[in-house]
Amino acid sequence: MTIRQLDDSSKMNFRIGYDADKSPCLFKKFKTKRQQAIAEREQVLLCLAERLMEEHGFSGLTMDKLVAACDYSKGTVYNHFSSKEDLLSALCIKAMQTELQLFHKASNFKGNAREKLLALCFAYRLHALLHPTLFYCVLTSKTPAVAERASQERLDTQFVLEQQLAEVCNQLFVLAMEDGDLQGREEAEFAQLSFAAWAMAFGSTALMLAASTAQLVQALEEEKTLMFNMNLMLDGMQWLPLSSEFDYWDSWQRVGMEVFADELSTLKEHSKHSGAKGRIT
């Protein structure tokens, strides 16, 4: 595998960015052609590293393997990533940028605040199914062994992205309060409530991905299980309308049809060719 073997669609995906004044996404912040070329080269290396991990696992990724798999010199690769840990940190950033793109799309779903939060959960699971390696990179990059050897610039970028991801969720709690669907809560609680929602979405998604062969998980309908877990938690918050009063399964299906039709088509094709397990309505 070399850089030249990366398909054109993968390279084009790297050009997607946000408002340069509001996001640390790489491309729109660079002013010169040289800076742009360096940024694009780094993203190609990240894509290659992701594929190496898909083939050999996390422990199988080394800087030497990345150098051997690409058309650049060892010095050039190390100019981008000072160590394997720094490379993992960069992959974490790529994962969060991708999540943020999907979150922004999900937040445009036409529905009440609780439906929009479920749309974020849909986006989160969709990201995990489309990019399972990146999904786990986020968690791996938070371990002390990785964080201690990552560059400060990458750690700072991770922090900004985490804030942006949390803010998308926090704004839904604000909206629910304004609409009268979530009462008796203080603004100071929003961070705790957002964390609870993230923990539920991450835990459910990670278990269904990693333990898909376990008897308990095999007996579950994955999509409805995630919906059940989220609705159980949101009902506990007394977030209206309650699941007993509203068809959130219909909302979930509409999110797929109205917001993520293209991504679901990509996932279907990927599953067809790879035989990967994992379905999302």
Protein backbone atom coordinates (compact mmCIF):
# COMPACT_ATOMS: atom_id res chain seq x y z
CA MET A 1 0.00 0.00 0.00
CA THR A 2 1.33 3.42 -0.93
CA ILE A 3 -0.03 6.93 -0.99
CA ARG A 4 -0.70 6.59 -4.72
CA GLN A 5 -3.13 3.76 -3.94
CA LEU A 6 -5.42 6.01 -1.89
CA ASP A 7 -8.60 6.61 -3.85
CA ASP A 8 -9.56 10.06 -5.05
CA SER A 9 -12.67 10.20 -2.86
CA SER A 10 -10.54 9.82 0.28
CA LYS A 11 -8.34 12.73 -0.79
CA MET A 12 -11.33 14.92 -1.58
CA ASN A 13 -12.84 14.31 1.87
CA PHE A 14 -9.86 16.10 3.39
CA ARG A 15 -10.90 19.37 1.82
CA ILE A 16 -14.11 19.63 3.82
CA GLY A 17 -13.77 22.27 6.55
CA TYR A 18 -15.60 24.73 8.73
CA ASP A 19 -15.54 28.46 9.16
CA ALA A 20 -11.85 29.21 9.66
CA ASP A 21 -12.69 31.73 12.37
CA LYS A 22 -14.62 29.18 14.43
CA SER A 23 -12.83 25.89 13.97
CA PRO A 24 -9.33 24.41 14.08
CA CYS A 25 -10.01 22.39 10.95
CA LEU A 26 -6.79 22.49 8.98
CA PHE A 27 -7.42 23.55 5.44
CA LYS A 28 -9.16 26.90 5.45
CA LYS A 29 -6.65 28.42 7.83
CA PHE A 30 -3.68 28.04 5.48
CA LYS A 31 -2.89 31.01 3.27
CA THR A 32 -0.14 29.79 0.93
CA LYS A 33 -0.01 26.92 -1.54
CA ARG A 34 2.92 25.43 0.37
CA GLN A 35 0.98 25.42 3.64
CA GLN A 36 -1.97 23.88 1.86
CA ALA A 37 0.23 21.18 0.33
CA ILE A 38 1.76 20.33 3.73
CA ALA A 39 -1.68 20.07 5.31
CA GLU A 40 -2.98 17.85 2.53
CA ARG A 41 0.10 15.62 2.75
CA GLU A 42 -0.48 15.21 6.47
CA GLN A 43 -4.09 14.17 5.90
CA VAL A 44 -3.01 11.60 3.30
CA LEU A 45 -0.56 10.16 5.84
CA LEU A 46 -3.35 10.02 8.42
CA CYS A 47 -5.58 8.16 6.00
CA LEU A 48 -2.79 5.70 5.35
CA ALA A 49 -2.18 5.23 9.09
CA GLU A 50 -5.89 4.57 9.58
CA ARG A 51 -5.78 1.86 6.94
CA LEU A 52 -2.70 0.30 8.49
CA MET A 53 -4.54 0.08 11.82
CA GLU A 54 -7.54 -1.48 10.12
CA GLU A 55 -5.24 -4.19 8.73
CA HIS A 56 -2.84 -4.72 11.63
CA GLY A 57 -4.61 -3.35 14.70
CA PHE A 58 -3.58 -0.51 16.99
CA SER A 59 -0.50 -2.32 18.28
CA GLY A 60 0.51 -3.11 14.70
CA LEU A 61 0.84 0.54 13.73
CA THR A 62 4.41 1.82 13.91
CA MET A 63 6.19 4.82 12.45
CA ASP A 64 8.42 2.46 10.46
CA LYS A 65 5.39 0.80 8.86
CA LEU A 66 3.96 4.18 7.95
CA VAL A 67 7.26 5.22 6.35
CA ALA A 68 7.45 1.93 4.44
CA ALA A 69 3.90 2.27 3.18
CA CYS A 70 4.24 5.81 1.81
CA ASP A 71 6.33 7.53 -0.82
CA TYR A 72 7.90 10.04 1.56
CA SER A 73 11.19 9.88 3.41
CA LYS A 74 11.44 9.02 7.08
CA GLY A 75 12.45 12.59 7.85
CA THR A 76 9.37 13.97 6.09
CA VAL A 77 7.05 11.67 8.01
CA TYR A 78 8.69 12.62 11.32
CA ASN A 79 8.32 16.29 10.42
CA HIS A 80 4.58 15.68 10.58
CA PHE A 81 4.47 13.31 13.58
CA SER A 82 7.19 13.21 16.20
CA SER A 83 6.13 9.76 17.46
CA LYS A 84 3.46 7.09 17.18
CA GLU A 85 1.68 8.78 20.06
CA ASP A 86 1.69 12.10 18.25
CA LEU A 87 0.27 10.30 15.21
CA LEU A 88 -2.53 8.82 17.32
CA SER A 89 -3.28 12.28 18.67
CA ALA A 90 -3.55 13.59 15.12
CA LEU A 91 -5.94 10.77 14.26
CA CYS A 92 -8.03 11.75 17.27
CA ILE A 93 -8.27 15.28 15.86
CA LYS A 94 -9.36 13.91 12.50
CA ALA A 95 -12.03 11.82 14.23
CA MET A 96 -13.41 14.78 16.18
CA GLN A 97 -13.45 16.98 13.08
CA THR A 98 -15.48 14.31 11.30
CA GLU A 99 -17.83 14.01 14.27
CA LEU A 100 -18.29 17.77 14.37
CA GLN A 101 -19.28 17.82 10.71
CA LEU A 102 -21.89 15.13 11.35
CA PHE A 103 -23.09 16.89 14.51
CA HIS A 104 -23.68 20.12 12.62
CA LYS A 105 -25.71 18.24 10.02
CA ALA A 106 -27.70 16.50 12.77
CA SER A 107 -28.48 19.77 14.54
CA ASN A 108 -30.25 20.98 11.38
CA PHE A 109 -32.85 18.21 11.69
CA LYS A 110 -36.33 19.72 11.82
CA GLY A 111 -37.74 18.65 15.15
CA ASN A 112 -37.92 19.51 18.82
CA ALA A 113 -34.85 19.69 21.04
CA ARG A 114 -35.11 16.08 22.19
CA GLU A 115 -35.41 14.87 18.59
CA LYS A 116 -32.32 16.89 17.71
CA LEU A 117 -30.40 15.26 20.55
CA LEU A 118 -31.38 11.85 19.22
CA ALA A 119 -30.17 13.05 15.82
CA LEU A 120 -26.76 13.70 17.43
CA CYS A 121 -26.80 10.12 18.74
CA PHE A 122 -27.63 8.91 15.24
CA ALA A 123 -24.67 10.90 13.91
CA TYR A 124 -22.38 9.54 16.62
CA ARG A 125 -23.25 5.92 15.85
CA LEU A 126 -23.01 6.58 12.13
CA HIS A 127 -19.50 7.93 12.62
CA ALA A 128 -18.54 4.82 14.59
CA LEU A 129 -19.82 2.51 11.85
CA LEU A 130 -18.21 4.47 9.02
CA HIS A 131 -14.89 5.04 10.84
CA PRO A 132 -14.54 2.43 13.63
CA THR A 133 -10.76 2.89 13.86
CA LEU A 134 -11.08 6.66 14.30
CA PHE A 135 -13.88 6.11 16.81
CA TYR A 136 -11.52 4.20 19.10
CA CYS A 137 -8.62 6.57 18.41
CA VAL A 138 -10.43 9.28 20.37
CA LEU A 139 -10.43 7.12 23.49
CA THR A 140 -6.88 5.83 22.96
CA SER A 141 -5.49 9.34 22.58
CA LYS A 142 -6.77 10.22 26.05
CA THR A 143 -4.59 7.65 27.80
CA PRO A 144 -1.57 9.11 29.65
CA ALA A 145 0.84 7.07 27.53
CA VAL A 146 -0.37 8.86 24.38
CA ALA A 147 -1.17 12.31 25.78
CA GLU A 148 2.23 12.68 27.45
CA ARG A 149 4.06 12.30 24.11
CA ALA A 150 1.70 14.25 21.87
CA SER A 151 2.60 17.78 20.84
CA GLN A 152 1.05 20.64 22.80
CA GLU A 153 -0.41 22.06 19.59
CA ARG A 154 -2.36 18.87 18.98
CA LEU A 155 -3.52 18.73 22.60
CA ASP A 156 -4.73 22.33 22.32
CA THR A 157 -6.60 21.51 19.10
CA GLN A 158 -8.25 18.52 20.77
CA PHE A 159 -9.39 20.76 23.61
CA VAL A 160 -10.98 23.26 21.21
CA LEU A 161 -12.76 20.51 19.30
CA GLU A 162 -14.05 18.97 22.53
CA GLN A 163 -15.50 22.33 23.48
CA GLN A 164 -17.18 22.68 20.10
CA LEU A 165 -18.68 19.19 20.27
CA ALA A 166 -19.96 19.81 23.79
CA GLU A 167 -21.41 23.17 22.79
CA VAL A 168 -23.57 21.57 20.08
CA CYS A 169 -25.09 19.34 22.76
CA ASN A 170 -25.32 22.08 25.39
CA GLN A 171 -27.32 24.30 23.04
CA LEU A 172 -30.00 21.63 22.82
CA PHE A 173 -30.44 21.76 26.59
CA VAL A 174 -30.78 25.53 26.33
CA LEU A 175 -33.37 25.12 23.57
CA ALA A 176 -35.31 22.57 25.61
CA MET A 177 -35.35 24.94 28.60
CA GLU A 178 -36.55 27.83 26.42
CA ASP A 179 -39.32 25.69 24.91
CA GLY A 180 -40.45 24.48 28.33
CA ASP A 181 -39.61 20.84 27.54
CA LEU A 182 -36.97 20.56 30.27
CA GLN A 183 -37.94 22.21 33.53
CA GLY A 184 -36.38 22.49 36.95
CA ARG A 185 -32.82 22.50 35.65
CA GLU A 186 -30.11 25.09 36.16
CA GLU A 187 -27.73 26.16 33.41
CA ALA A 188 -24.85 24.95 35.57
CA GLU A 189 -26.18 21.40 35.13
CA PHE A 190 -25.94 21.42 31.34
CA ALA A 191 -22.36 20.14 31.29
CA GLN A 192 -23.33 17.22 33.54
CA LEU A 193 -26.38 16.41 31.44
CA SER A 194 -24.36 16.61 28.22
CA PHE A 195 -21.77 14.26 29.70
CA ALA A 196 -24.51 11.81 30.69
CA ALA A 197 -25.86 11.84 27.13
CA TRP A 198 -22.37 11.35 25.66
CA ALA A 199 -21.58 8.53 28.12
CA MET A 200 -24.78 6.72 27.21
CA ALA A 201 -24.21 7.12 23.47
CA PHE A 202 -20.54 6.13 23.66
CA GLY A 203 -21.09 3.20 26.00
CA SER A 204 -23.96 1.75 23.98
CA THR A 205 -22.15 2.21 20.66
CA ALA A 206 -18.79 0.89 21.87
CA LEU A 207 -20.34 -2.21 23.45
CA MET A 208 -22.34 -3.01 20.34
CA LEU A 209 -19.24 -2.63 18.16
CA ALA A 210 -16.71 -4.38 20.37
CA ALA A 211 -18.94 -7.08 21.84
CA SER A 212 -21.07 -7.83 18.79
CA THR A 213 -20.44 -11.58 19.15
CA ALA A 214 -21.47 -11.70 22.82
CA GLN A 215 -24.71 -13.58 23.41
CA LEU A 216 -26.33 -10.65 25.25
CA VAL A 217 -25.53 -8.21 22.42
CA GLN A 218 -26.52 -10.63 19.66
CA ALA A 219 -30.00 -10.84 21.15
CA LEU A 220 -30.53 -7.07 20.78
CA GLU A 221 -31.81 -5.00 17.90
CA GLU A 222 -28.92 -2.55 17.78
CA GLU A 223 -30.77 0.55 16.58
CA LYS A 224 -33.70 0.13 18.90
CA THR A 225 -31.35 -0.66 21.77
CA LEU A 226 -29.57 2.67 21.43
CA MET A 227 -32.95 4.40 21.17
CA PHE A 228 -34.21 2.55 24.27
CA ASN A 229 -31.13 3.50 26.30
CA MET A 230 -31.30 7.16 25.31
CA ASN A 231 -35.04 7.41 25.89
CA LEU A 232 -34.67 5.74 29.28
CA MET A 233 -32.14 8.39 30.29
CA LEU A 234 -34.03 11.35 28.78
CA ASP A 235 -37.30 10.22 30.38
CA GLY A 236 -35.41 10.15 33.68
CA MET A 237 -34.51 13.80 33.11
CA GLN A 238 -38.23 14.47 32.53
CA TRP A 239 -37.37 15.83 29.09
CA LEU A 240 -40.67 16.33 27.26
CA PRO A 241 -42.27 14.88 25.29
CA LEU A 242 -41.72 11.59 27.12
CA SER A 243 -41.16 8.47 25.05
CA SER A 244 -44.58 7.20 26.10
CA GLU A 245 -46.13 10.27 24.47
CA PHE A 246 -44.08 10.59 21.28
CA ASP A 247 -42.91 8.32 18.45
CA TYR A 248 -39.15 8.82 18.59
CA TRP A 249 -38.53 5.77 16.45
CA ASP A 250 -40.22 7.62 13.61
CA SER A 251 -37.94 10.59 14.34
CA TRP A 252 -34.88 8.32 14.23
CA GLN A 253 -35.86 6.98 10.82
CA ARG A 254 -36.52 10.48 9.50
CA VAL A 255 -33.04 11.56 10.61
CA GLY A 256 -31.60 8.88 8.37
CA MET A 257 -33.78 9.73 5.39
CA GLU A 258 -33.72 13.51 5.66
CA VAL A 259 -30.21 14.23 6.97
CA PHE A 260 -27.86 11.31 6.39
CA ALA A 261 -29.06 9.62 3.21
CA ASP A 262 -25.65 10.00 1.51
CA GLU A 263 -23.72 8.68 4.50
CA LEU A 264 -26.07 5.71 4.84
CA SER A 265 -25.58 4.89 1.17
CA THR A 266 -21.80 4.95 1.71
CA LEU A 267 -22.17 2.70 4.76
CA LYS A 268 -24.33 0.25 2.81
CA GLU A 269 -21.75 0.02 0.03
CA HIS A 270 -18.91 -0.38 2.55
CA SER A 271 -20.75 -3.17 4.36
CA LYS A 272 -21.53 -4.90 1.07
CA HIS A 273 -17.89 -4.99 -0.03
CA SER A 274 -16.24 -5.64 3.33
CA GLY A 275 -18.82 -7.86 4.94
CA ALA A 276 -18.60 -5.64 8.01
CA LYS A 277 -21.32 -6.05 10.57
CA GLY A 278 -23.27 -3.05 11.65
CA ARG A 279 -26.50 -1.53 10.49
CA ILE A 280 -28.18 1.73 10.96
CA THR A 281 -31.68 2.41 9.69
